[in-house]
PDB file of N, CA and C in Angstrom:
ATOM      1  N   MET A   1     119.352  19.247  42.241  1.00  0.00           N
ATOM      2  CA  MET A   1     119.764  20.562  42.642  1.00  0.00           C
ATOM      3  C   MET A   1     120.551  20.431  43.939  1.00  0.00           C
ATOM      4  N   SER A   2     121.701  21.059  43.988  1.00  0.00           N
ATOM      5  CA  SER A   2     122.506  21.021  45.199  1.00  0.00           C
ATOM      6  C   SER A   2     123.135  22.381  45.404  1.00  0.00           C
ATOM      7  N   GLY A   3     123.604  22.606  46.594  1.00  0.00           N
ATOM      8  CA  GLY A   3     124.242  23.872  46.900  1.00  0.00           C
ATOM      9  C   GLY A   3     124.172  24.142  48.381  1.00  0.00           C
ATOM     10  N   GLU A   4     124.750  25.239  48.767  1.00  0.00           N
ATOM     11  CA  GLU A   4     124.781  25.610  50.168  1.00  0.00           C
ATOM     12  C   GLU A   4     123.429  26.171  50.588  1.00  0.00           C
ATOM     13  N   ILE A   5     122.955  25.767  51.747  1.00  0.00           N
ATOM     14  CA  ILE A   5     121.717  26.299  52.298  1.00  0.00           C
ATOM     15  C   ILE A   5     122.086  27.498  53.146  1.00  0.00           C
ATOM     16  N   VAL A   6     121.358  28.607  52.963  1.00  0.00           N
ATOM     17  CA  VAL A   6     121.626  29.813  53.742  1.00  0.00           C
ATOM     18  C   VAL A   6     120.352  30.262  54.435  1.00  0.00           C
ATOM     19  N   SER A   7     120.530  30.980  55.538  1.00  0.00           N
ATOM     20  CA  SER A   7     119.385  31.506  56.283  1.00  0.00           C
ATOM     21  C   SER A   7     118.871  32.759  55.595  1.00  0.00           C
ATOM     22  N   PHE A   8     117.777  33.305  56.137  1.00  0.00           N
ATOM     23  CA  PHE A   8     117.202  34.525  55.579  1.00  0.00           C
ATOM     24  C   PHE A   8     118.206  35.667  55.550  1.00  0.00           C
ATOM     25  N   ARG A   9     119.106  35.691  56.513  1.00  0.00           N
ATOM     26  CA  ARG A   9     120.095  36.768  56.602  1.00  0.00           C
ATOM     27  C   ARG A   9     121.401  36.424  55.907  1.00  0.00           C
ATOM     28  N   GLY A  10     121.459  35.272  55.215  1.00  0.00           N
ATOM     29  CA  GLY A  10     122.631  34.927  54.434  1.00  0.00           C
ATOM     30  C   GLY A  10     123.667  34.064  55.107  1.00  0.00           C
ATOM     31  N   ALA A  11     123.483  33.744  56.389  1.00  0.00           N
ATOM     32  CA  ALA A  11     124.447  32.897  57.086  1.00  0.00           C
ATOM     33  C   ALA A  11     124.277  31.442  56.642  1.00  0.00           C
ATOM     34  N   SER A  12     125.377  30.707  56.617  1.00  0.00           N
ATOM     35  CA  SER A  12     125.319  29.293  56.260  1.00  0.00           C
ATOM     36  C   SER A  12     124.538  28.518  57.317  1.00  0.00           C
ATOM     37  N   VAL A  13     123.751  27.553  56.863  1.00  0.00           N
ATOM     38  CA  VAL A  13     122.998  26.682  57.763  1.00  0.00           C
ATOM     39  C   VAL A  13     123.748  25.362  57.846  1.00  0.00           C
ATOM     40  N   PRO A  14     124.126  24.942  59.066  1.00  0.00           N
ATOM     41  CA  PRO A  14     124.875  23.688  59.177  1.00  0.00           C
ATOM     42  C   PRO A  14     124.041  22.509  58.671  1.00  0.00           C
ATOM     43  N   GLN A  15     124.686  21.597  57.957  1.00  0.00           N
ATOM     44  CA  GLN A  15     124.015  20.415  57.437  1.00  0.00           C
ATOM     45  C   GLN A  15     123.887  19.370  58.544  1.00  0.00           C
ATOM     46  N   SER A  16     122.795  18.612  58.504  1.00  0.00           N
ATOM     47  CA  SER A  16     122.616  17.515  59.449  1.00  0.00           C
ATOM     48  C   SER A  16     123.643  16.439  59.163  1.00  0.00           C
ATOM     49  N   SER A  17     124.078  15.778  60.209  1.00  0.00           N
ATOM     50  CA  SER A  17     125.050  14.707  60.076  1.00  0.00           C
ATOM     51  C   SER A  17     124.528  13.474  60.791  1.00  0.00           C
ATOM     52  N   PRO A  18     124.725  12.292  60.208  1.00  0.00           N
ATOM     53  CA  PRO A  18     124.291  11.086  60.903  1.00  0.00           C
ATOM     54  C   PRO A  18     125.159  10.752  62.117  1.00  0.00           C
ATOM     55  N   ASP A  19     126.272  11.454  62.282  1.00  0.00           N
ATOM     56  CA  ASP A  19     127.153  11.220  63.421  1.00  0.00           C
ATOM     57  C   ASP A  19     126.574  11.883  64.675  1.00  0.00           C
ATOM     58  N   PRO A  20     126.732  11.238  65.828  1.00  0.00           N
ATOM     59  CA  PRO A  20     126.241  11.843  67.070  1.00  0.00           C
ATOM     60  C   PRO A  20     126.938  13.173  67.350  1.00  0.00           C
ATOM     61  N   ASP A  21     126.200  14.113  67.880  1.00  0.00           N
ATOM     62  CA  ASP A  21     126.749  15.401  68.288  1.00  0.00           C
ATOM     63  C   ASP A  21     127.190  15.265  69.745  1.00  0.00           C
ATOM     64  N   PRO A  22     128.492  15.333  70.022  1.00  0.00           N
ATOM     65  CA  PRO A  22     128.976  15.135  71.398  1.00  0.00           C
ATOM     66  C   PRO A  22     128.336  16.083  72.406  1.00  0.00           C
ATOM     67  N   GLU A  23     128.053  17.305  71.990  1.00  0.00           N
ATOM     68  CA  GLU A  23     127.430  18.267  72.902  1.00  0.00           C
ATOM     69  C   GLU A  23     126.021  17.812  73.294  1.00  0.00           C
ATOM     70  N   VAL A  24     125.277  17.286  72.326  1.00  0.00           N
ATOM     71  CA  VAL A  24     123.925  16.786  72.605  1.00  0.00           C
ATOM     72  C   VAL A  24     123.998  15.563  73.512  1.00  0.00           C
ATOM     73  N   VAL A  25     124.907  14.650  73.214  1.00  0.00           N
ATOM     74  CA  VAL A  25     125.064  13.432  74.021  1.00  0.00           C
ATOM     75  C   VAL A  25     125.423  13.789  75.457  1.00  0.00           C
ATOM     76  N   ASP A  26     126.371  14.688  75.656  1.00  0.00           N
ATOM     77  CA  ASP A  26     126.771  15.093  77.011  1.00  0.00           C
ATOM     78  C   ASP A  26     125.620  15.753  77.761  1.00  0.00           C
ATOM     79  N   TYR A  27     124.860  16.588  77.061  1.00  0.00           N
ATOM     80  CA  TYR A  27     123.724  17.267  77.685  1.00  0.00           C
ATOM     81  C   TYR A  27     122.668  16.253  78.125  1.00  0.00           C
ATOM     82  N   LEU A  28     122.375  15.295  77.260  1.00  0.00           N
ATOM     83  CA  LEU A  28     121.389  14.274  77.612  1.00  0.00           C
ATOM     84  C   LEU A  28     121.869  13.413  78.777  1.00  0.00           C
ATOM     85  N   LYS A  29     123.157  13.114  78.820  1.00  0.00           N
ATOM     86  CA  LYS A  29     123.705  12.350  79.951  1.00  0.00           C
ATOM     87  C   LYS A  29     123.538  13.128  81.257  1.00  0.00           C
ATOM     88  N   SER A  30     123.777  14.434  81.212  1.00  0.00           N
ATOM     89  CA  SER A  30     123.618  15.233  82.434  1.00  0.00           C
ATOM     90  C   SER A  30     122.149  15.293  82.851  1.00  0.00           C
ATOM     91  N   LEU A  31     121.236  15.374  81.882  1.00  0.00           N
ATOM     92  CA  LEU A  31     119.808  15.345  82.212  1.00  0.00           C
ATOM     93  C   LEU A  31     119.425  14.003  82.829  1.00  0.00           C
ATOM     94  N   LEU A  32     119.955  12.915  82.288  1.00  0.00           N
ATOM     95  CA  LEU A  32     119.678  11.588  82.824  1.00  0.00           C
ATOM     96  C   LEU A  32     120.157  11.468  84.268  1.00  0.00           C
ATOM     97  N   GLU A  33     121.355  11.987  84.544  1.00  0.00           N
ATOM     98  CA  GLU A  33     121.868  11.963  85.916  1.00  0.00           C
ATOM     99  C   GLU A  33     120.941  12.729  86.862  1.00  0.00           C
ATOM    100  N   MET A  34     120.479  13.899  86.420  1.00  0.00           N
ATOM    101  CA  MET A  34     119.569  14.684  87.259  1.00  0.00           C
ATOM    102  C   MET A  34     118.245  13.961  87.457  1.00  0.00           C
ATOM    103  N   ALA A  35     117.748  13.294  86.426  1.00  0.00           N
ATOM    104  CA  ALA A  35     116.494  12.544  86.545  1.00  0.00           C
ATOM    105  C   ALA A  35     116.655  11.366  87.493  1.00  0.00           C
ATOM    106  N   GLU A  36     117.793  10.690  87.419  1.00  0.00           N
ATOM    107  CA  GLU A  36     118.022   9.520  88.271  1.00  0.00           C
ATOM    108  C   GLU A  36     118.168   9.893  89.745  1.00  0.00           C
ATOM    109  N   THR A  37     118.631  11.106  90.030  1.00  0.00           N
ATOM    110  CA  THR A  37     118.741  11.550  91.423  1.00  0.00           C
ATOM    111  C   THR A  37     117.440  12.166  91.928  1.00  0.00           C
ATOM    112  N   GLY A  38     116.498  12.394  91.026  1.00  0.00           N
ATOM    113  CA  GLY A  38     115.227  12.992  91.416  1.00  0.00           C
ATOM    114  C   GLY A  38     115.205  14.496  91.309  1.00  0.00           C
ATOM    115  N   ASP A  39     116.320  15.099  90.909  1.00  0.00           N
ATOM    116  CA  ASP A  39     116.379  16.549  90.784  1.00  0.00           C
ATOM    117  C   ASP A  39     115.555  17.039  89.600  1.00  0.00           C
ATOM    118  N   LEU A  40     115.626  16.353  88.483  1.00  0.00           N
ATOM    119  CA  LEU A  40     114.862  16.727  87.285  1.00  0.00           C
ATOM    120  C   LEU A  40     113.450  16.168  87.426  1.00  0.00           C
ATOM    121  N   GLN A  41     112.463  17.056  87.465  1.00  0.00           N
ATOM    122  CA  GLN A  41     111.082  16.656  87.692  1.00  0.00           C
ATOM    123  C   GLN A  41     110.225  16.680  86.439  1.00  0.00           C
ATOM    124  N   GLY A  42     110.675  17.354  85.401  1.00  0.00           N
ATOM    125  CA  GLY A  42     109.905  17.437  84.171  1.00  0.00           C
ATOM    126  C   GLY A  42     110.788  17.925  83.046  1.00  0.00           C
ATOM    127  N   LEU A  43     110.306  17.720  81.845  1.00  0.00           N
ATOM    128  CA  LEU A  43     111.077  18.099  80.664  1.00  0.00           C
ATOM    129  C   LEU A  43     110.118  18.498  79.555  1.00  0.00           C
ATOM    130  N   ALA A  44     110.378  19.640  78.940  1.00  0.00           N
ATOM    131  CA  ALA A  44     109.580  20.101  77.799  1.00  0.00           C
ATOM    132  C   ALA A  44     110.540  20.665  76.771  1.00  0.00           C
ATOM    133  N   GLY A  45     110.326  20.334  75.525  1.00  0.00           N
ATOM    134  CA  GLY A  45     111.225  20.869  74.518  1.00  0.00           C
ATOM    135  C   GLY A  45     110.933  20.414  73.114  1.00  0.00           C
ATOM    136  N   ILE A  46     111.853  20.757  72.248  1.00  0.00           N
ATOM    137  CA  ILE A  46     111.772  20.423  70.831  1.00  0.00           C
ATOM    138  C   ILE A  46     113.076  19.752  70.456  1.00  0.00           C
ATOM    139  N   SER A  47     112.991  18.681  69.709  1.00  0.00           N
ATOM    140  CA  SER A  47     114.181  17.978  69.240  1.00  0.00           C
ATOM    141  C   SER A  47     114.272  18.083  67.731  1.00  0.00           C
ATOM    142  N   THR A  48     115.498  18.243  67.238  1.00  0.00           N
ATOM    143  CA  THR A  48     115.755  18.275  65.809  1.00  0.00           C
ATOM    144  C   THR A  48     116.327  16.929  65.402  1.00  0.00           C
ATOM    145  N   HIS A  49     115.781  16.353  64.340  1.00  0.00           N
ATOM    146  CA  HIS A  49     116.212  15.038  63.863  1.00  0.00           C
ATOM    147  C   HIS A  49     116.781  15.165  62.456  1.00  0.00           C
ATOM    148  N   LEU A  50     117.444  14.130  62.001  1.00  0.00           N
ATOM    149  CA  LEU A  50     117.944  14.110  60.619  1.00  0.00           C
ATOM    150  C   LEU A  50     116.801  14.351  59.654  1.00  0.00           C
ATOM    151  N   GLY A  51     117.108  14.944  58.540  1.00  0.00           N
ATOM    152  CA  GLY A  51     116.086  15.187  57.525  1.00  0.00           C
ATOM    153  C   GLY A  51     115.176  16.352  57.838  1.00  0.00           C
ATOM    154  N   GLU A  52     115.666  17.283  58.665  1.00  0.00           N
ATOM    155  CA  GLU A  52     114.883  18.476  59.020  1.00  0.00           C
ATOM    156  C   GLU A  52     113.538  18.122  59.643  1.00  0.00           C
ATOM    157  N   ARG A  53     113.502  17.048  60.431  1.00  0.00           N
ATOM    158  CA  ARG A  53     112.298  16.683  61.163  1.00  0.00           C
ATOM    159  C   ARG A  53     112.436  17.166  62.604  1.00  0.00           C
ATOM    160  N   PHE A  54     111.299  17.432  63.222  1.00  0.00           N
ATOM    161  CA  PHE A  54     111.279  17.939  64.590  1.00  0.00           C
ATOM    162  C   PHE A  54     110.263  17.149  65.399  1.00  0.00           C
ATOM    163  N   SER A  55     110.497  17.075  66.704  1.00  0.00           N
ATOM    164  CA  SER A  55     109.496  16.492  67.596  1.00  0.00           C
ATOM    165  C   SER A  55     109.361  17.390  68.817  1.00  0.00           C
ATOM    166  N   VAL A  56     108.164  17.420  69.342  1.00  0.00           N
ATOM    167  CA  VAL A  56     107.857  18.203  70.528  1.00  0.00           C
ATOM    168  C   VAL A  56     107.550  17.211  71.640  1.00  0.00           C
ATOM    169  N   HIS A  57     108.090  17.469  72.821  1.00  0.00           N
ATOM    170  CA  HIS A  57     107.861  16.532  73.901  1.00  0.00           C
ATOM    171  C   HIS A  57     107.650  17.253  75.221  1.00  0.00           C
ATOM    172  N   ARG A  58     106.871  16.619  76.058  1.00  0.00           N
ATOM    173  CA  ARG A  58     106.609  17.117  77.411  1.00  0.00           C
ATOM    174  C   ARG A  58     106.358  15.906  78.282  1.00  0.00           C
ATOM    175  N   VAL A  59     107.082  15.814  79.385  1.00  0.00           N
ATOM    176  CA  VAL A  59     106.927  14.699  80.302  1.00  0.00           C
ATOM    177  C   VAL A  59     107.175  15.189  81.728  1.00  0.00           C
ATOM    178  N   GLY A  60     106.434  14.652  82.660  1.00  0.00           N
ATOM    179  CA  GLY A  60     106.625  15.020  84.049  1.00  0.00           C
ATOM    180  C   GLY A  60     105.958  16.332  84.408  1.00  0.00           C
ATOM    181  N   ALA A  61     106.505  16.992  85.427  1.00  0.00           N
ATOM    182  CA  ALA A  61     105.920  18.214  85.977  1.00  0.00           C
ATOM    183  C   ALA A  61     106.276  19.416  85.113  1.00  0.00           C
ATOM    184  N   CYS A  62     105.457  19.679  84.126  1.00  0.00           N
ATOM    185  CA  CYS A  62     105.718  20.792  83.199  1.00  0.00           C
ATOM    186  C   CYS A  62     104.531  21.733  83.081  1.00  0.00           C
ATOM    187  N   VAL A  63     103.646  21.726  84.051  1.00  0.00           N
ATOM    188  CA  VAL A  63     102.446  22.548  83.958  1.00  0.00           C
ATOM    189  C   VAL A  63     102.535  23.680  84.978  1.00  0.00           C
ATOM    190  N   SER A  64     103.063  24.825  84.519  1.00  0.00           N
ATOM    191  CA  SER A  64     103.111  26.008  85.378  1.00  0.00           C
ATOM    192  C   SER A  64     103.388  27.226  84.514  1.00  0.00           C
ATOM    193  N   SER A  65     103.101  28.383  85.074  1.00  0.00           N
ATOM    194  CA  SER A  65     103.377  29.617  84.334  1.00  0.00           C
ATOM    195  C   SER A  65     104.876  29.807  84.154  1.00  0.00           C
ATOM    196  N   SER A  66     105.682  29.290  85.063  1.00  0.00           N
ATOM    197  CA  SER A  66     107.136  29.396  84.931  1.00  0.00           C
ATOM    198  C   SER A  66     107.634  28.645  83.705  1.00  0.00           C
ATOM    199  N   VAL A  67     107.077  27.462  83.450  1.00  0.00           N
ATOM    200  CA  VAL A  67     107.471  26.682  82.271  1.00  0.00           C
ATOM    201  C   VAL A  67     107.101  27.447  81.008  1.00  0.00           C
ATOM    202  N   VAL A  68     105.916  28.017  80.987  1.00  0.00           N
ATOM    203  CA  VAL A  68     105.486  28.791  79.821  1.00  0.00           C
ATOM    204  C   VAL A  68     106.425  29.977  79.597  1.00  0.00           C
ATOM    205  N   GLY A  69     106.797  30.660  80.668  1.00  0.00           N
ATOM    206  CA  GLY A  69     107.717  31.791  80.543  1.00  0.00           C
ATOM    207  C   GLY A  69     109.085  31.381  80.046  1.00  0.00           C
ATOM    208  N   GLU A  70     109.613  30.281  80.560  1.00  0.00           N
ATOM    209  CA  GLU A  70     110.922  29.796  80.112  1.00  0.00           C
ATOM    210  C   GLU A  70     110.885  29.376  78.647  1.00  0.00           C
ATOM    211  N   LEU A  71     109.794  28.758  78.208  1.00  0.00           N
ATOM    212  CA  LEU A  71     109.668  28.386  76.796  1.00  0.00           C
ATOM    213  C   LEU A  71     109.618  29.626  75.907  1.00  0.00           C
ATOM    214  N   GLU A  72     108.982  30.680  76.378  1.00  0.00           N
ATOM    215  CA  GLU A  72     108.957  31.931  75.618  1.00  0.00           C
ATOM    216  C   GLU A  72     110.361  32.527  75.501  1.00  0.00           C
ATOM    217  N   LEU A  73     111.138  32.476  76.575  1.00  0.00           N
ATOM    218  CA  LEU A  73     112.519  32.966  76.526  1.00  0.00           C
ATOM    219  C   LEU A  73     113.353  32.134  75.552  1.00  0.00           C
ATOM    220  N   LEU A  74     113.167  30.821  75.584  1.00  0.00           N
ATOM    221  CA  LEU A  74     113.876  29.949  74.652  1.00  0.00           C
ATOM    222  C   LEU A  74     113.491  30.273  73.215  1.00  0.00           C
ATOM    223  N   LYS A  75     112.206  30.487  72.984  1.00  0.00           N
ATOM    224  CA  LYS A  75     111.735  30.843  71.643  1.00  0.00           C
ATOM    225  C   LYS A  75     112.390  32.136  71.164  1.00  0.00           C
ATOM    226  N   LEU A  76     112.501  33.108  72.035  1.00  0.00           N
ATOM    227  CA  LEU A  76     113.135  34.380  71.690  1.00  0.00           C
ATOM    228  C   LEU A  76     114.608  34.188  71.349  1.00  0.00           C
ATOM    229  N   ARG A  77     115.319  33.400  72.166  1.00  0.00           N
ATOM    230  CA  ARG A  77     116.737  33.153  71.893  1.00  0.00           C
ATOM    231  C   ARG A  77     116.938  32.480  70.537  1.00  0.00           C
ATOM    232  N   ILE A  78     116.106  31.486  70.241  1.00  0.00           N
ATOM    233  CA  ILE A  78     116.215  30.797  68.959  1.00  0.00           C
ATOM    234  C   ILE A  78     115.887  31.743  67.814  1.00  0.00           C
ATOM    235  N   ALA A  79     114.880  32.587  67.982  1.00  0.00           N
ATOM    236  CA  ALA A  79     114.509  33.544  66.932  1.00  0.00           C
ATOM    237  C   ALA A  79     115.644  34.530  66.671  1.00  0.00           C
ATOM    238  N   VAL A  80     116.285  35.026  67.723  1.00  0.00           N
ATOM    239  CA  VAL A  80     117.395  35.969  67.549  1.00  0.00           C
ATOM    240  C   VAL A  80     118.561  35.286  66.844  1.00  0.00           C
ATOM    241  N   GLU A  81     118.867  34.038  67.220  1.00  0.00           N
ATOM    242  CA  GLU A  81     119.959  33.317  66.562  1.00  0.00           C
ATOM    243  C   GLU A  81     119.628  33.012  65.103  1.00  0.00           C
ATOM    244  N   THR A  82     118.353  32.767  64.822  1.00  0.00           N
ATOM    245  CA  THR A  82     117.935  32.421  63.467  1.00  0.00           C
ATOM    246  C   THR A  82     117.817  33.647  62.570  1.00  0.00           C
ATOM    247  N   PHE A  83     117.151  34.669  63.067  1.00  0.00           N
ATOM    248  CA  PHE A  83     116.837  35.825  62.238  1.00  0.00           C
ATOM    249  C   PHE A  83     117.682  37.052  62.551  1.00  0.00           C
ATOM    250  N   GLY A  84     118.422  37.010  63.649  1.00  0.00           N
ATOM    251  CA  GLY A  84     119.228  38.153  64.049  1.00  0.00           C
ATOM    252  C   GLY A  84     118.414  39.118  64.870  1.00  0.00           C
ATOM    253  N   ASP A  85     119.109  40.043  65.478  1.00  0.00           N
ATOM    254  CA  ASP A  85     118.477  41.082  66.276  1.00  0.00           C
ATOM    255  C   ASP A  85     118.034  42.197  65.343  1.00  0.00           C
ATOM    256  N   GLU A  86     116.817  42.648  65.475  1.00  0.00           N
ATOM    257  CA  GLU A  86     116.292  43.710  64.602  1.00  0.00           C
ATOM    258  C   GLU A  86     117.153  44.968  64.668  1.00  0.00           C
ATOM    259  N   ASP A  87     117.853  45.189  65.799  1.00  0.00           N
ATOM    260  CA  ASP A  87     118.684  46.383  65.944  1.00  0.00           C
ATOM    261  C   ASP A  87     119.974  46.277  65.131  1.00  0.00           C
ATOM    262  N   ASP A  88     120.274  45.072  64.578  1.00  0.00           N
ATOM    263  CA  ASP A  88     121.499  44.872  63.796  1.00  0.00           C
ATOM    264  C   ASP A  88     121.401  45.464  62.387  1.00  0.00           C
ATOM    265  N   ASP A  89     120.208  45.835  61.958  1.00  0.00           N
ATOM    266  CA  ASP A  89     120.024  46.357  60.583  1.00  0.00           C
ATOM    267  C   ASP A  89     120.633  47.712  60.396  1.00  0.00           C
TER     268      ASP A  89
END
C-alpha cells in the first residue's frame, strides 16, 4: 500500500528523508557553540528520527518551573501546527 500521508486536517505530511536537513544541522551547530562557550547550561527536547521514531532527552540544568512552562508552550505550538487552531473551523 502506498500513497500520500495526510494529517487529520488534510494537509500533506512531509516524508522523512535520509539526507541531512540543513536547518537542523545549523541549529545544532549554534547550540554546540553556545555549549562550548558555557552559555547553554541545559537542554530538553524531543528529536524526530527516520522511520517515524522519536527520542526524548534532557541533559544539564533543566529542572525548574521555567523549563516546564517553556515545554508547555512548545507543546502548544506543535499542537497548533499539527491540528490547527480551533478558531479556524
